[in-house]
Amino acid sequence: MTEWFDAMELPPQYGAVLHHQLKESCPTAMAPAQRRWLFFVVQGSVPREQVVEAGGVLRSGAAGWVPAPGTWMEDTGRIRWLVHPYLTEWRPYQRRDPIDLIFL
């Protein structure tokens, strides 16, 4: 359930690049069988259209859910943390684009 955060699920060509840019500032998990990346972000901080255009899915709200890291699923394999939430003090990523930094 993603009631307190959004989960961006991205294909590998975008997930790997974003992971490299964000380093350890964003809780990140991966589904190895499909190489799908999961980024846990502040709710509403990334427009759904932007994620969909990249071939991804934005999971949000009480109806949205993602398998918890450690879970094994037949189609994804074992979901695992790449950046554990304790490294971000258990907080989802707060988007910080240059425009966001100027207007905040």
PDB file of N, CA and C in Angstrom:
ATOM      1  N   MET A   1       0.852  -1.174   0.000  1.00  0.00           N
ATOM      2  CA  MET A   1       0.000   0.000   0.000  1.00  0.00           C
ATOM      3  C   MET A   1       0.898   1.239   0.000  1.00  0.00           C
ATOM      4  N   THR A   2       0.598   2.174  -0.850  1.00  0.00           N
ATOM      5  CA  THR A   2       1.415   3.382  -0.969  1.00  0.00           C
ATOM      6  C   THR A   2       0.635   4.602  -0.505  1.00  0.00           C
ATOM      7  N   GLU A   3       0.102   4.515   0.678  1.00  0.00           N
ATOM      8  CA  GLU A   3      -0.745   5.593   1.198  1.00  0.00           C
ATOM      9  C   GLU A   3       0.051   6.841   1.586  1.00  0.00           C
ATOM     10  N   TRP A   4       1.317   6.696   1.978  1.00  0.00           N
ATOM     11  CA  TRP A   4       2.111   7.826   2.464  1.00  0.00           C
ATOM     12  C   TRP A   4       3.232   8.225   1.514  1.00  0.00           C
ATOM     13  N   PHE A   5       3.313   7.573   0.382  1.00  0.00           N
ATOM     14  CA  PHE A   5       4.356   7.868  -0.604  1.00  0.00           C
ATOM     15  C   PHE A   5       3.888   7.359  -1.953  1.00  0.00           C
ATOM     16  N   ASP A   6       4.573   7.751  -3.014  1.00  0.00           N
ATOM     17  CA  ASP A   6       4.358   7.187  -4.347  1.00  0.00           C
ATOM     18  C   ASP A   6       5.521   6.255  -4.643  1.00  0.00           C
ATOM     19  N   ALA A   7       5.253   5.254  -5.432  1.00  0.00           N
ATOM     20  CA  ALA A   7       6.312   4.354  -5.893  1.00  0.00           C
ATOM     21  C   ALA A   7       6.363   4.430  -7.413  1.00  0.00           C
ATOM     22  N   MET A   8       7.496   4.898  -7.934  1.00  0.00           N
ATOM     23  CA  MET A   8       7.693   4.941  -9.383  1.00  0.00           C
ATOM     24  C   MET A   8       8.349   3.636  -9.798  1.00  0.00           C
ATOM     25  N   GLU A   9       7.702   2.918 -10.691  1.00  0.00           N
ATOM     26  CA  GLU A   9       8.279   1.691 -11.235  1.00  0.00           C
ATOM     27  C   GLU A   9       8.742   2.001 -12.644  1.00  0.00           C
ATOM     28  N   LEU A  10      10.046   1.899 -12.872  1.00  0.00           N
ATOM     29  CA  LEU A  10      10.624   2.300 -14.161  1.00  0.00           C
ATOM     30  C   LEU A  10      11.360   1.153 -14.833  1.00  0.00           C
ATOM     31  N   PRO A  11      11.394   1.156 -16.186  1.00  0.00           N
ATOM     32  CA  PRO A  11      12.176   0.163 -16.914  1.00  0.00           C
ATOM     33  C   PRO A  11      13.670   0.446 -16.737  1.00  0.00           C
ATOM     34  N   PRO A  12      14.511  -0.542 -17.055  1.00  0.00           N
ATOM     35  CA  PRO A  12      15.947  -0.418 -16.779  1.00  0.00           C
ATOM     36  C   PRO A  12      16.649   0.770 -17.438  1.00  0.00           C
ATOM     37  N   GLN A  13      16.259   1.146 -18.651  1.00  0.00           N
ATOM     38  CA  GLN A  13      16.971   2.232 -19.326  1.00  0.00           C
ATOM     39  C   GLN A  13      16.806   3.561 -18.601  1.00  0.00           C
ATOM     40  N   TYR A  14      15.716   3.737 -17.862  1.00  0.00           N
ATOM     41  CA  TYR A  14      15.522   4.950 -17.074  1.00  0.00           C
ATOM     42  C   TYR A  14      15.901   4.735 -15.616  1.00  0.00           C
ATOM     43  N   GLY A  15      15.591   3.570 -15.089  1.00  0.00           N
ATOM     44  CA  GLY A  15      15.875   3.287 -13.693  1.00  0.00           C
ATOM     45  C   GLY A  15      17.353   3.359 -13.357  1.00  0.00           C
ATOM     46  N   ALA A  16      18.200   2.784 -14.203  1.00  0.00           N
ATOM     47  CA  ALA A  16      19.641   2.783 -13.935  1.00  0.00           C
ATOM     48  C   ALA A  16      20.201   4.206 -13.938  1.00  0.00           C
ATOM     49  N   VAL A  17      19.755   5.013 -14.885  1.00  0.00           N
ATOM     50  CA  VAL A  17      20.238   6.396 -14.980  1.00  0.00           C
ATOM     51  C   VAL A  17      19.771   7.206 -13.763  1.00  0.00           C
ATOM     52  N   LEU A  18      18.496   7.069 -13.410  1.00  0.00           N
ATOM     53  CA  LEU A  18      17.968   7.807 -12.265  1.00  0.00           C
ATOM     54  C   LEU A  18      18.653   7.371 -10.973  1.00  0.00           C
ATOM     55  N   HIS A  19      18.871   6.077 -10.826  1.00  0.00           N
ATOM     56  CA  HIS A  19      19.561   5.574  -9.629  1.00  0.00           C
ATOM     57  C   HIS A  19      20.968   6.174  -9.528  1.00  0.00           C
ATOM     58  N   HIS A  20      21.656   6.260 -10.646  1.00  0.00           N
ATOM     59  CA  HIS A  20      23.002   6.848 -10.661  1.00  0.00           C
ATOM     60  C   HIS A  20      22.955   8.322 -10.251  1.00  0.00           C
ATOM     61  N   GLN A  21      21.932   9.044 -10.692  1.00  0.00           N
ATOM     62  CA  GLN A  21      21.806  10.463 -10.360  1.00  0.00           C
ATOM     63  C   GLN A  21      21.434  10.688  -8.896  1.00  0.00           C
ATOM     64  N   LEU A  22      20.537   9.864  -8.383  1.00  0.00           N
ATOM     65  CA  LEU A  22      20.043  10.064  -7.016  1.00  0.00           C
ATOM     66  C   LEU A  22      20.955   9.459  -5.953  1.00  0.00           C
ATOM     67  N   LYS A  23      21.790   8.518  -6.364  1.00  0.00           N
ATOM     68  CA  LYS A  23      22.706   7.827  -5.435  1.00  0.00           C
ATOM     69  C   LYS A  23      21.937   7.318  -4.221  1.00  0.00           C
ATOM     70  N   GLU A  24      22.300   7.743  -3.027  1.00  0.00           N
ATOM     71  CA  GLU A  24      21.677   7.222  -1.814  1.00  0.00           C
ATOM     72  C   GLU A  24      20.666   8.197  -1.202  1.00  0.00           C
ATOM     73  N   SER A  25      20.079   9.066  -2.025  1.00  0.00           N
ATOM     74  CA  SER A  25      19.114  10.028  -1.504  1.00  0.00           C
ATOM     75  C   SER A  25      17.668   9.557  -1.666  1.00  0.00           C
ATOM     76  N   CYS A  26      17.460   8.427  -2.326  1.00  0.00           N
ATOM     77  CA  CYS A  26      16.115   7.931  -2.591  1.00  0.00           C
ATOM     78  C   CYS A  26      16.042   6.442  -2.284  1.00  0.00           C
ATOM     79  N   PRO A  27      15.096   6.025  -1.416  1.00  0.00           N
ATOM     80  CA  PRO A  27      14.913   4.588  -1.210  1.00  0.00           C
ATOM     81  C   PRO A  27      14.598   3.921  -2.549  1.00  0.00           C
ATOM     82  N   THR A  28      15.363   2.909  -2.904  1.00  0.00           N
ATOM     83  CA  THR A  28      15.248   2.287  -4.214  1.00  0.00           C
ATOM     84  C   THR A  28      15.288   0.773  -4.072  1.00  0.00           C
ATOM     85  N   ALA A  29      14.397   0.109  -4.795  1.00  0.00           N
ATOM     86  CA  ALA A  29      14.371  -1.350  -4.820  1.00  0.00           C
ATOM     87  C   ALA A  29      14.381  -1.801  -6.280  1.00  0.00           C
ATOM     88  N   MET A  30      14.640  -3.095  -6.479  1.00  0.00           N
ATOM     89  CA  MET A  30      14.683  -3.616  -7.838  1.00  0.00           C
ATOM     90  C   MET A  30      14.050  -4.998  -7.893  1.00  0.00           C
ATOM     91  N   ALA A  31      13.330  -5.245  -8.990  1.00  0.00           N
ATOM     92  CA  ALA A  31      12.790  -6.559  -9.298  1.00  0.00           C
ATOM     93  C   ALA A  31      13.722  -7.166 -10.344  1.00  0.00           C
ATOM     94  N   PRO A  32      14.634  -8.054  -9.947  1.00  0.00           N
ATOM     95  CA  PRO A  32      15.703  -8.492 -10.837  1.00  0.00           C
ATOM     96  C   PRO A  32      15.266  -9.246 -12.089  1.00  0.00           C
ATOM     97  N   ALA A  33      14.215 -10.050 -12.024  1.00  0.00           N
ATOM     98  CA  ALA A  33      13.831 -10.844 -13.192  1.00  0.00           C
ATOM     99  C   ALA A  33      13.427  -9.963 -14.366  1.00  0.00           C
ATOM    100  N   GLN A  34      12.766  -8.843 -14.078  1.00  0.00           N
ATOM    101  CA  GLN A  34      12.340  -7.929 -15.142  1.00  0.00           C
ATOM    102  C   GLN A  34      13.198  -6.666 -15.184  1.00  0.00           C
ATOM    103  N   ARG A  35      14.136  -6.568 -14.255  1.00  0.00           N
ATOM    104  CA  ARG A  35      15.008  -5.399 -14.126  1.00  0.00           C
ATOM    105  C   ARG A  35      14.194  -4.110 -13.989  1.00  0.00           C
ATOM    106  N   ARG A  36      13.076  -4.173 -13.271  1.00  0.00           N
ATOM    107  CA  ARG A  36      12.248  -3.002 -13.004  1.00  0.00           C
ATOM    108  C   ARG A  36      12.745  -2.337 -11.727  1.00  0.00           C
ATOM    109  N   TRP A  37      12.851  -1.030 -11.757  1.00  0.00           N
ATOM    110  CA  TRP A  37      13.343  -0.237 -10.635  1.00  0.00           C
ATOM    111  C   TRP A  37      12.177   0.407  -9.909  1.00  0.00           C
ATOM    112  N   LEU A  38      12.219   0.433  -8.591  1.00  0.00           N
ATOM    113  CA  LEU A  38      11.182   1.068  -7.774  1.00  0.00           C
ATOM    114  C   LEU A  38      11.807   2.196  -6.968  1.00  0.00           C
ATOM    115  N   PHE A  39      11.317   3.397  -7.170  1.00  0.00           N
ATOM    116  CA  PHE A  39      11.796   4.577  -6.449  1.00  0.00           C
ATOM    117  C   PHE A  39      10.661   5.080  -5.561  1.00  0.00           C
ATOM    118  N   PHE A  40      10.934   5.255  -4.280  1.00  0.00           N
ATOM    119  CA  PHE A  40       9.923   5.694  -3.319  1.00  0.00           C
ATOM    120  C   PHE A  40      10.078   7.202  -3.122  1.00  0.00           C
ATOM    121  N   VAL A  41       9.048   7.942  -3.563  1.00  0.00           N
ATOM    122  CA  VAL A  41       9.116   9.405  -3.605  1.00  0.00           C
ATOM    123  C   VAL A  41       7.947  10.008  -2.825  1.00  0.00           C
ATOM    124  N   VAL A  42       8.075  11.278  -2.454  1.00  0.00           N
ATOM    125  CA  VAL A  42       7.005  11.998  -1.776  1.00  0.00           C
ATOM    126  C   VAL A  42       5.778  12.009  -2.679  1.00  0.00           C
ATOM    127  N   GLN A  43       4.641  11.749  -2.077  1.00  0.00           N
ATOM    128  CA  GLN A  43       3.396  11.668  -2.825  1.00  0.00           C
ATOM    129  C   GLN A  43       3.127  12.960  -3.602  1.00  0.00           C
ATOM    130  N   GLY A  44       2.836  12.803  -4.905  1.00  0.00           N
ATOM    131  CA  GLY A  44       2.518  13.936  -5.760  1.00  0.00           C
ATOM    132  C   GLY A  44       3.713  14.686  -6.308  1.00  0.00           C
ATOM    133  N   SER A  45       4.928  14.255  -5.999  1.00  0.00           N
ATOM    134  CA  SER A  45       6.110  15.014  -6.427  1.00  0.00           C
ATOM    135  C   SER A  45       6.534  14.743  -7.867  1.00  0.00           C
ATOM    136  N   VAL A  46       6.034  13.669  -8.457  1.00  0.00           N
ATOM    137  CA  VAL A  46       6.366  13.349  -9.847  1.00  0.00           C
ATOM    138  C   VAL A  46       5.058  13.163 -10.615  1.00  0.00           C
ATOM    139  N   PRO A  47       4.869  13.901 -11.712  1.00  0.00           N
ATOM    140  CA  PRO A  47       3.630  13.770 -12.483  1.00  0.00           C
ATOM    141  C   PRO A  47       3.487  12.375 -13.101  1.00  0.00           C
ATOM    142  N   ARG A  48       2.312  11.798 -12.952  1.00  0.00           N
ATOM    143  CA  ARG A  48       2.034  10.454 -13.484  1.00  0.00           C
ATOM    144  C   ARG A  48       2.352  10.378 -14.983  1.00  0.00           C
ATOM    145  N   GLU A  49       1.993  11.420 -15.743  1.00  0.00           N
ATOM    146  CA  GLU A  49       2.217  11.418 -17.193  1.00  0.00           C
ATOM    147  C   GLU A  49       3.705  11.249 -17.525  1.00  0.00           C
ATOM    148  N   GLN A  50       4.541  11.876 -16.748  1.00  0.00           N
ATOM    149  CA  GLN A  50       5.988  11.800 -16.975  1.00  0.00           C
ATOM    150  C   GLN A  50       6.483  10.358 -16.792  1.00  0.00           C
ATOM    151  N   VAL A  51       5.974   9.683 -15.796  1.00  0.00           N
ATOM    152  CA  VAL A  51       6.368   8.297 -15.530  1.00  0.00           C
ATOM    153  C   VAL A  51       5.848   7.378 -16.634  1.00  0.00           C
ATOM    154  N   VAL A  52       4.602   7.573 -17.045  1.00  0.00           N
ATOM    155  CA  VAL A  52       3.990   6.742 -18.083  1.00  0.00           C
ATOM    156  C   VAL A  52       4.722   6.910 -19.411  1.00  0.00           C
ATOM    157  N   GLU A  53       5.096   8.142 -19.756  1.00  0.00           N
ATOM    158  CA  GLU A  53       5.837   8.395 -21.002  1.00  0.00           C
ATOM    159  C   GLU A  53       7.181   7.672 -21.020  1.00  0.00           C
ATOM    160  N   ALA A  54       7.750   7.430 -19.856  1.00  0.00           N
ATOM    161  CA  ALA A  54       9.026   6.717 -19.758  1.00  0.00           C
ATOM    162  C   ALA A  54       8.821   5.199 -19.737  1.00  0.00           C
ATOM    163  N   GLY A  55       7.582   4.753 -19.904  1.00  0.00           N
ATOM    164  CA  GLY A  55       7.308   3.323 -19.899  1.00  0.00           C
ATOM    165  C   GLY A  55       7.140   2.756 -18.498  1.00  0.00           C
ATOM    166  N   GLY A  56       6.886   3.644 -17.536  1.00  0.00           N
ATOM    167  CA  GLY A  56       6.760   3.219 -16.157  1.00  0.00           C
ATOM    168  C   GLY A  56       5.341   3.278 -15.636  1.00  0.00           C
ATOM    169  N   VAL A  57       5.226   3.003 -14.349  1.00  0.00           N
ATOM    170  CA  VAL A  57       3.942   3.018 -13.653  1.00  0.00           C
ATOM    171  C   VAL A  57       4.142   3.781 -12.358  1.00  0.00           C
ATOM    172  N   LEU A  58       3.193   4.646 -12.030  1.00  0.00           N
ATOM    173  CA  LEU A  58       3.236   5.357 -10.752  1.00  0.00           C
ATOM    174  C   LEU A  58       2.183   4.749  -9.846  1.00  0.00           C
ATOM    175  N   ARG A  59       2.624   4.165  -8.758  1.00  0.00           N
ATOM    176  CA  ARG A  59       1.720   3.562  -7.777  1.00  0.00           C
ATOM    177  C   ARG A  59       1.503   4.586  -6.671  1.00  0.00           C
ATOM    178  N   SER A  60       0.224   4.919  -6.419  1.00  0.00           N
ATOM    179  CA  SER A  60      -0.068   5.993  -5.485  1.00  0.00           C
ATOM    180  C   SER A  60      -1.368   5.730  -4.746  1.00  0.00           C
ATOM    181  N   GLY A  61      -1.423   6.175  -3.502  1.00  0.00           N
ATOM    182  CA  GLY A  61      -2.653   6.100  -2.725  1.00  0.00           C
ATOM    183  C   GLY A  61      -2.935   4.723  -2.168  1.00  0.00           C
ATOM    184  N   ALA A  62      -4.074   4.621  -1.507  1.00  0.00           N
ATOM    185  CA  ALA A  62      -4.449   3.384  -0.825  1.00  0.00           C
ATOM    186  C   ALA A  62      -4.635   2.212  -1.794  1.00  0.00           C
ATOM    187  N   ALA A  63      -5.016   2.486  -3.039  1.00  0.00           N
ATOM    188  CA  ALA A  63      -5.223   1.409  -4.008  1.00  0.00           C
ATOM    189  C   ALA A  63      -3.918   0.958  -4.668  1.00  0.00           C
ATOM    190  N   GLY A  64      -2.869   1.766  -4.582  1.00  0.00           N
ATOM    191  CA  GLY A  64      -1.588   1.415  -5.180  1.00  0.00           C
ATOM    192  C   GLY A  64      -0.782   0.551  -4.223  1.00  0.00           C
ATOM    193  N   TRP A  65      -0.087  -0.423  -4.738  1.00  0.00           N
ATOM    194  CA  TRP A  65       0.754  -1.242  -3.874  1.00  0.00           C
ATOM    195  C   TRP A  65       1.952  -1.741  -4.664  1.00  0.00           C
ATOM    196  N   VAL A  66       3.001  -2.038  -3.961  1.00  0.00           N
ATOM    197  CA  VAL A  66       4.185  -2.663  -4.535  1.00  0.00           C
ATOM    198  C   VAL A  66       4.601  -3.782  -3.585  1.00  0.00           C
ATOM    199  N   PRO A  67       5.195  -4.844  -4.102  1.00  0.00           N
ATOM    200  CA  PRO A  67       5.669  -5.895  -3.211  1.00  0.00           C
ATOM    201  C   PRO A  67       6.832  -5.368  -2.368  1.00  0.00           C
ATOM    202  N   ALA A  68       6.827  -5.693  -1.104  1.00  0.00           N
ATOM    203  CA  ALA A  68       7.894  -5.240  -0.212  1.00  0.00           C
ATOM    204  C   ALA A  68       9.198  -5.954  -0.548  1.00  0.00           C
ATOM    205  N   PRO A  69      10.325  -5.249  -0.498  1.00  0.00           N
ATOM    206  CA  PRO A  69      11.608  -5.919  -0.701  1.00  0.00           C
ATOM    207  C   PRO A  69      11.740  -7.092   0.274  1.00  0.00           C
ATOM    208  N   GLY A  70      12.269  -8.176  -0.269  1.00  0.00           N
ATOM    209  CA  GLY A  70      12.339  -9.439   0.457  1.00  0.00           C
ATOM    210  C   GLY A  70      11.283 -10.408  -0.048  1.00  0.00           C
ATOM    211  N   THR A  71      10.255  -9.875  -0.715  1.00  0.00           N
ATOM    212  CA  THR A  71       9.188 -10.706  -1.259  1.00  0.00           C
ATOM    213  C   THR A  71       9.664 -11.381  -2.540  1.00  0.00           C
ATOM    214  N   TRP A  72       9.351 -12.658  -2.680  1.00  0.00           N
ATOM    215  CA  TRP A  72       9.648 -13.374  -3.923  1.00  0.00           C
ATOM    216  C   TRP A  72       8.351 -13.566  -4.680  1.00  0.00           C
ATOM    217  N   MET A  73       8.366 -13.182  -5.957  1.00  0.00           N
ATOM    218  CA  MET A  73       7.201 -13.385  -6.821  1.00  0.00           C
ATOM    219  C   MET A  73       7.674 -14.096  -8.079  1.00  0.00           C
ATOM    220  N   GLU A  74       6.818 -14.937  -8.604  1.00  0.00           N
ATOM    221  CA  GLU A  74       7.202 -15.747  -9.755  1.00  0.00           C
ATOM    222  C   GLU A  74       7.642 -14.908 -10.951  1.00  0.00           C
ATOM    223  N   ASP A  75       6.939 -13.810 -11.220  1.00  0.00           N
ATOM    224  CA  ASP A  75       7.252 -13.016 -12.411  1.00  0.00           C
ATOM    225  C   ASP A  75       8.368 -11.998 -12.207  1.00  0.00           C
ATOM    226  N   THR A  76       8.735 -11.700 -10.948  1.00  0.00           N
ATOM    227  CA  THR A  76       9.760 -10.681 -10.716  1.00  0.00           C
ATOM    228  C   THR A  76      11.014 -11.213 -10.037  1.00  0.00           C
ATOM    229  N   GLY A  77      10.914 -12.358  -9.395  1.00  0.00           N
ATOM    230  CA  GLY A  77      12.023 -12.824  -8.560  1.00  0.00           C
ATOM    231  C   GLY A  77      11.940 -12.134  -7.207  1.00  0.00           C
ATOM    232  N   ARG A  78      13.020 -12.199  -6.442  1.00  0.00           N
ATOM    233  CA  ARG A  78      13.020 -11.579  -5.114  1.00  0.00           C
ATOM    234  C   ARG A  78      13.281 -10.081  -5.232  1.00  0.00           C
ATOM    235  N   ILE A  79      12.340  -9.288  -4.746  1.00  0.00           N
ATOM    236  CA  ILE A  79      12.503  -7.835  -4.720  1.00  0.00           C
ATOM    237  C   ILE A  79      13.582  -7.521  -3.688  1.00  0.00           C
ATOM    238  N   ARG A  80      14.520  -6.652  -4.043  1.00  0.00           N
ATOM    239  CA  ARG A  80      15.601  -6.339  -3.087  1.00  0.00           C
ATOM    240  C   ARG A  80      15.864  -4.846  -3.050  1.00  0.00           C
ATOM    241  N   TRP A  81      16.314  -4.401  -1.881  1.00  0.00           N
ATOM    242  CA  TRP A  81      16.700  -2.995  -1.720  1.00  0.00           C
ATOM    243  C   TRP A  81      18.029  -2.752  -2.407  1.00  0.00           C
ATOM    244  N   LEU A  82      18.140  -1.650  -3.113  1.00  0.00           N
ATOM    245  CA  LEU A  82      19.422  -1.143  -3.599  1.00  0.00           C
ATOM    246  C   LEU A  82      19.869   0.003  -2.700  1.00  0.00           C
ATOM    247  N   VAL A  83      18.904   0.829  -2.292  1.00  0.00           N
ATOM    248  CA  VAL A  83      19.144   1.876  -1.296  1.00  0.00           C
ATOM    249  C   VAL A  83      18.099   1.659  -0.203  1.00  0.00           C
ATOM    250  N   HIS A  84      18.548   1.153   0.921  1.00  0.00           N
ATOM    251  CA  HIS A  84      17.637   0.841   2.019  1.00  0.00           C
ATOM    252  C   HIS A  84      17.110   2.139   2.638  1.00  0.00           C
ATOM    253  N   PRO A  85      15.854   2.157   3.074  1.00  0.00           N
ATOM    254  CA  PRO A  85      15.278   3.381   3.638  1.00  0.00           C
ATOM    255  C   PRO A  85      16.005   3.919   4.867  1.00  0.00           C
ATOM    256  N   TYR A  86      16.729   3.072   5.605  1.00  0.00           N
ATOM    257  CA  TYR A  86      17.440   3.621   6.764  1.00  0.00           C
ATOM    258  C   TYR A  86      18.514   4.611   6.335  1.00  0.00           C
ATOM    259  N   LEU A  87      18.990   4.509   5.093  1.00  0.00           N
ATOM    260  CA  LEU A  87      19.988   5.461   4.590  1.00  0.00           C
ATOM    261  C   LEU A  87      19.373   6.845   4.344  1.00  0.00           C
ATOM    262  N   THR A  88      18.062   6.900   4.185  1.00  0.00           N
ATOM    263  CA  THR A  88      17.373   8.177   3.965  1.00  0.00           C
ATOM    264  C   THR A  88      16.513   8.540   5.183  1.00  0.00           C
ATOM    265  N   GLU A  89      16.854   7.965   6.308  1.00  0.00           N
ATOM    266  CA  GLU A  89      16.117   8.195   7.558  1.00  0.00           C
ATOM    267  C   GLU A  89      14.642   7.839   7.409  1.00  0.00           C
ATOM    268  N   TRP A  90      14.360   6.794   6.629  1.00  0.00           N
ATOM    269  CA  TRP A  90      13.018   6.261   6.422  1.00  0.00           C
ATOM    270  C   TRP A  90      12.081   7.280   5.781  1.00  0.00           C
ATOM    271  N   ARG A  91      12.632   8.155   4.963  1.00  0.00           N
ATOM    272  CA  ARG A  91      11.820   9.158   4.262  1.00  0.00           C
ATOM    273  C   ARG A  91      11.868   8.907   2.751  1.00  0.00           C
ATOM    274  N   PRO A  92      10.732   9.097   2.072  1.00  0.00           N
ATOM    275  CA  PRO A  92      10.759   9.015   0.614  1.00  0.00           C
ATOM    276  C   PRO A  92      11.521  10.210   0.047  1.00  0.00           C
ATOM    277  N   TYR A  93      11.921  10.100  -1.194  1.00  0.00           N
ATOM    278  CA  TYR A  93      12.692  11.151  -1.854  1.00  0.00           C
ATOM    279  C   TYR A  93      11.828  12.383  -2.107  1.00  0.00           C
ATOM    280  N   GLN A  94      12.339  13.534  -1.734  1.00  0.00           N
ATOM    281  CA  GLN A  94      11.687  14.819  -2.036  1.00  0.00           C
ATOM    282  C   GLN A  94      12.346  15.381  -3.284  1.00  0.00           C
ATOM    283  N   ARG A  95      11.606  15.482  -4.356  1.00  0.00           N
ATOM    284  CA  ARG A  95      12.137  15.971  -5.626  1.00  0.00           C
ATOM    285  C   ARG A  95      12.747  17.357  -5.451  1.00  0.00           C
ATOM    286  N   ARG A  96      13.950  17.551  -5.977  1.00  0.00           N
ATOM    287  CA  ARG A  96      14.674  18.825  -5.860  1.00  0.00           C
ATOM    288  C   ARG A  96      15.286  19.198  -7.206  1.00  0.00           C
ATOM    289  N   ASP A  97      14.457  19.697  -8.084  1.00  0.00           N
ATOM    290  CA  ASP A  97      14.955  20.220  -9.353  1.00  0.00           C
ATOM    291  C   ASP A  97      15.423  21.651  -9.113  1.00  0.00           C
ATOM    292  N   PRO A  98      16.254  22.209  -9.985  1.00  0.00           N
ATOM    293  CA  PRO A  98      16.680  23.603  -9.808  1.00  0.00           C
ATOM    294  C   PRO A  98      15.495  24.567  -9.659  1.00  0.00           C
ATOM    295  N   ILE A  99      14.428  24.351 -10.418  1.00  0.00           N
ATOM    296  CA  ILE A  99      13.249  25.219 -10.302  1.00  0.00           C
ATOM    297  C   ILE A  99      12.639  25.068  -8.919  1.00  0.00           C
ATOM    298  N   ASP A 100      12.542  23.822  -8.447  1.00  0.00           N
ATOM    299  CA  ASP A 100      11.993  23.592  -7.097  1.00  0.00           C
ATOM    300  C   ASP A 100      12.826  24.307  -6.060  1.00  0.00           C
ATOM    301  N   LEU A 101      14.138  24.284  -6.182  1.00  0.00           N
ATOM    302  CA  LEU A 101      15.009  24.904  -5.197  1.00  0.00           C
ATOM    303  C   LEU A 101      14.852  26.427  -5.169  1.00  0.00           C
ATOM    304  N   ILE A 102      14.589  27.021  -6.328  1.00  0.00           N
ATOM    305  CA  ILE A 102      14.447  28.489  -6.405  1.00  0.00           C
ATOM    306  C   ILE A 102      13.119  28.922  -5.820  1.00  0.00           C
ATOM    307  N   PHE A 103      12.056  28.188  -6.129  1.00  0.00           N
ATOM    308  CA  PHE A 103      10.725  28.611  -5.705  1.00  0.00           C
ATOM    309  C   PHE A 103      10.315  28.149  -4.318  1.00  0.00           C
ATOM    310  N   LEU A 104      11.107  27.320  -3.658  1.00  0.00           N
ATOM    311  CA  LEU A 104      10.763  26.860  -2.316  1.00  0.00           C
ATOM    312  C   LEU A 104      11.142  27.857  -1.259  1.00  0.00           C
TER     313      LEU A 104
END
